[in-house]
Amino acid sequence: MALVLVGGGARSGKSRWALERARKRGGRLVYIATAEALDEEMSLRIARHRADRGYEFETIEEPVELARAIRSSEGDAIVVDCLTLWLSNGMCDVEGTLTAAKEQSAEVIVVTNEVGCGIVPENALAREFRDRAGIVNQRFAEAADEVYWMVFGQALRVK
């Protein structure tokens, strides 16, 4: 089918747009969550995301083995939310995940954060993460059939 990448800054509407895109596709909907509830604030965020998408999505929680989760998903549209959280969970298998997404018969909609538009981080680990996130985003954008940039809740088609 198609690999679709949607990126943007925090609270730009990426997840909402990805869910709406999947709903328009119809059929069986799958949501692969990469976040982990490691503290109370993140637990509340995850609960809000669950409420936003409702019961129409089958939810798979997979913080690390994203390629496996994509391969094993059976749906007409799969939303992966989000690539940058997955990256922070372990600097993972990018090429394997790209291959899984491209080979999936469903439309795969991948949400990612743009972390390079702000100030240069003050510590080396944060700069390394920003750089790796930028490279991963470039690889997914290169492989994607469609790429969108979210700004102020509006999707701008890039590719």
Protein backbone atom coordinates (compact mmCIF):
# COMPACT_ATOMS: atom_id res chain seq x y z
CA MET A 1 0.00 0.00 0.00
CA ALA A 2 1.51 3.37 0.99
CA LEU A 3 3.91 4.70 3.56
CA VAL A 4 2.89 8.16 4.77
CA LEU A 5 5.07 10.32 7.03
CA VAL A 6 3.63 13.23 8.98
CA GLY A 7 5.92 15.46 11.01
CA GLY A 8 5.91 18.75 12.80
CA GLY A 9 6.47 20.38 16.14
CA ALA A 10 4.85 19.68 19.47
CA ARG A 11 1.08 20.18 19.45
CA SER A 12 1.02 20.84 15.71
CA GLY A 13 -1.83 18.35 15.09
CA LYS A 14 0.22 15.39 13.80
CA SER A 15 -1.55 12.64 15.73
CA ARG A 16 -5.03 14.07 15.12
CA TRP A 17 -4.31 14.29 11.39
CA ALA A 18 -2.92 10.73 11.27
CA LEU A 19 -6.00 9.35 13.04
CA GLU A 20 -8.35 11.20 10.68
CA ARG A 21 -6.39 9.95 7.66
CA ALA A 22 -6.71 6.38 8.93
CA ARG A 23 -10.45 6.80 9.65
CA LYS A 24 -11.02 8.03 6.08
CA ARG A 25 -9.28 4.91 4.80
CA GLY A 26 -11.80 2.88 6.78
CA GLY A 27 -11.82 -0.83 7.48
CA ARG A 28 -9.77 -2.31 10.27
CA LEU A 29 -7.72 0.37 12.05
CA VAL A 30 -4.55 -0.29 14.04
CA TYR A 31 -2.67 2.11 16.30
CA ILE A 32 0.90 1.24 17.32
CA ALA A 33 1.92 3.24 20.38
CA THR A 34 5.62 3.64 21.13
CA ALA A 35 5.23 5.62 24.38
CA GLU A 36 5.75 4.06 27.78
CA ALA A 37 3.91 5.15 30.93
CA LEU A 38 7.02 5.66 33.05
CA ASP A 39 5.55 8.45 35.17
CA GLU A 40 2.18 9.93 36.09
CA GLU A 41 2.31 12.72 33.50
CA MET A 42 3.01 10.27 30.67
CA SER A 43 0.25 7.98 31.96
CA LEU A 44 -2.19 10.88 31.68
CA ARG A 45 -0.97 11.70 28.14
CA ILE A 46 -1.45 8.10 27.08
CA ALA A 47 -4.96 8.06 28.57
CA ARG A 48 -5.83 11.24 26.62
CA HIS A 49 -4.52 9.70 23.39
CA ARG A 50 -6.62 6.56 24.01
CA ALA A 51 -9.72 8.68 24.58
CA ASP A 52 -9.03 10.73 21.43
CA ARG A 53 -8.84 7.69 19.18
CA GLY A 54 -11.71 5.81 20.81
CA TYR A 55 -12.43 2.13 20.43
CA GLU A 56 -12.33 1.97 16.64
CA PHE A 57 -8.55 1.36 16.69
CA GLU A 58 -6.90 -1.86 17.81
CA THR A 59 -4.02 -0.65 20.00
CA ILE A 60 -0.63 -2.32 20.06
CA GLU A 61 1.85 -0.99 22.59
CA GLU A 62 5.40 -1.54 21.33
CA PRO A 63 8.15 0.80 22.53
CA VAL A 64 11.09 -1.00 20.87
CA GLU A 65 10.27 -3.80 18.38
CA LEU A 66 8.45 -1.57 15.93
CA ALA A 67 9.30 -3.60 12.80
CA ARG A 68 7.79 -6.72 14.38
CA ALA A 69 4.66 -4.82 15.42
CA ILE A 70 4.17 -3.43 11.91
CA ARG A 71 4.72 -6.82 10.27
CA SER A 72 2.27 -8.60 12.56
CA SER A 73 -0.48 -5.97 12.28
CA GLU A 74 -3.53 -6.86 10.27
CA GLY A 75 -5.42 -3.78 9.26
CA ASP A 76 -6.33 -1.50 6.41
CA ALA A 77 -4.60 1.49 8.03
CA ILE A 78 -1.88 1.48 10.66
CA VAL A 79 -0.92 4.59 12.61
CA VAL A 80 2.53 4.52 14.23
CA ASP A 81 2.79 7.17 16.93
CA CYS A 82 5.52 8.19 17.28
CA LEU A 83 8.87 7.65 15.57
CA THR A 84 10.85 10.01 17.81
CA LEU A 85 9.60 8.36 21.01
CA TRP A 86 10.55 4.99 19.52
CA LEU A 87 14.00 6.33 18.72
CA SER A 88 14.44 7.59 22.28
CA ASN A 89 13.47 4.15 23.58
CA GLY A 90 16.66 2.65 22.24
CA MET A 91 18.08 4.09 19.02
CA CYS A 92 16.43 1.22 17.16
CA ASP A 93 16.49 -0.77 13.89
CA VAL A 94 15.59 1.93 11.38
CA GLU A 95 16.18 -0.02 8.17
CA GLY A 96 14.23 -3.06 9.39
CA THR A 97 11.34 -0.85 10.40
CA LEU A 98 11.36 0.97 7.06
CA THR A 99 11.30 -2.36 5.24
CA ALA A 100 8.41 -3.61 7.38
CA ALA A 101 6.42 -0.44 6.71
CA LYS A 102 7.03 -0.57 2.95
CA GLU A 103 6.11 -4.28 2.75
CA GLN A 104 2.91 -3.93 4.81
CA SER A 105 -0.27 -4.35 2.75
CA ALA A 106 -2.01 -1.67 4.83
CA GLU A 107 -1.44 2.05 4.55
CA VAL A 108 1.14 2.88 7.24
CA ILE A 109 0.94 6.42 8.62
CA VAL A 110 3.99 7.30 10.70
CA VAL A 111 3.96 10.28 13.07
CA THR A 112 7.27 11.96 13.94
CA ASN A 113 8.47 15.08 15.69
CA GLU A 114 10.65 17.69 14.10
CA VAL A 115 13.25 18.38 16.76
CA GLY A 116 15.69 20.45 14.71
CA CYS A 117 13.81 23.74 14.46
CA GLY A 118 14.58 24.95 17.96
CA ILE A 119 17.74 26.06 19.70
CA VAL A 120 20.85 23.88 19.70
CA PRO A 121 20.68 21.70 22.84
CA GLU A 122 23.25 22.50 25.50
CA ASN A 123 24.44 18.94 26.14
CA ALA A 124 26.04 16.33 23.90
CA LEU A 125 23.42 13.60 24.46
CA ALA A 126 20.57 15.92 23.48
CA ARG A 127 22.49 17.09 20.40
CA GLU A 128 23.16 13.47 19.41
CA PHE A 129 19.47 12.62 19.78
CA ARG A 130 18.46 15.66 17.72
CA ASP A 131 20.91 14.66 14.99
CA ARG A 132 19.78 11.02 14.96
CA ALA A 133 16.13 12.05 14.89
CA GLY A 134 16.86 14.28 11.90
CA ILE A 135 18.59 11.42 10.06
CA VAL A 136 15.77 8.96 10.85
CA ASN A 137 13.19 11.50 9.67
CA GLN A 138 15.14 11.97 6.42
CA ARG A 139 15.30 8.18 5.83
CA PHE A 140 11.56 7.77 6.41
CA ALA A 141 10.76 10.80 4.23
CA GLU A 142 12.93 9.41 1.43
CA ALA A 143 11.16 6.04 1.59
CA ALA A 144 7.65 7.47 2.06
CA ASP A 145 5.14 7.75 -0.75
CA GLU A 146 3.70 10.89 0.85
CA VAL A 147 5.16 13.35 3.37
CA TYR A 148 3.23 16.02 5.28
CA TRP A 149 4.40 18.86 7.52
CA MET A 150 1.96 19.94 10.23
CA VAL A 151 1.82 23.56 11.28
CA PHE A 152 -0.97 25.18 13.32
CA GLY A 153 -3.13 22.08 12.79
CA GLN A 154 -2.79 22.30 9.01
CA ALA A 155 -1.16 19.64 6.84
CA LEU A 156 1.15 20.88 4.14
CA ARG A 157 2.02 18.24 1.55
CA VAL A 158 5.80 18.12 1.05
CA LYS A 159 6.02 15.02 -1.15
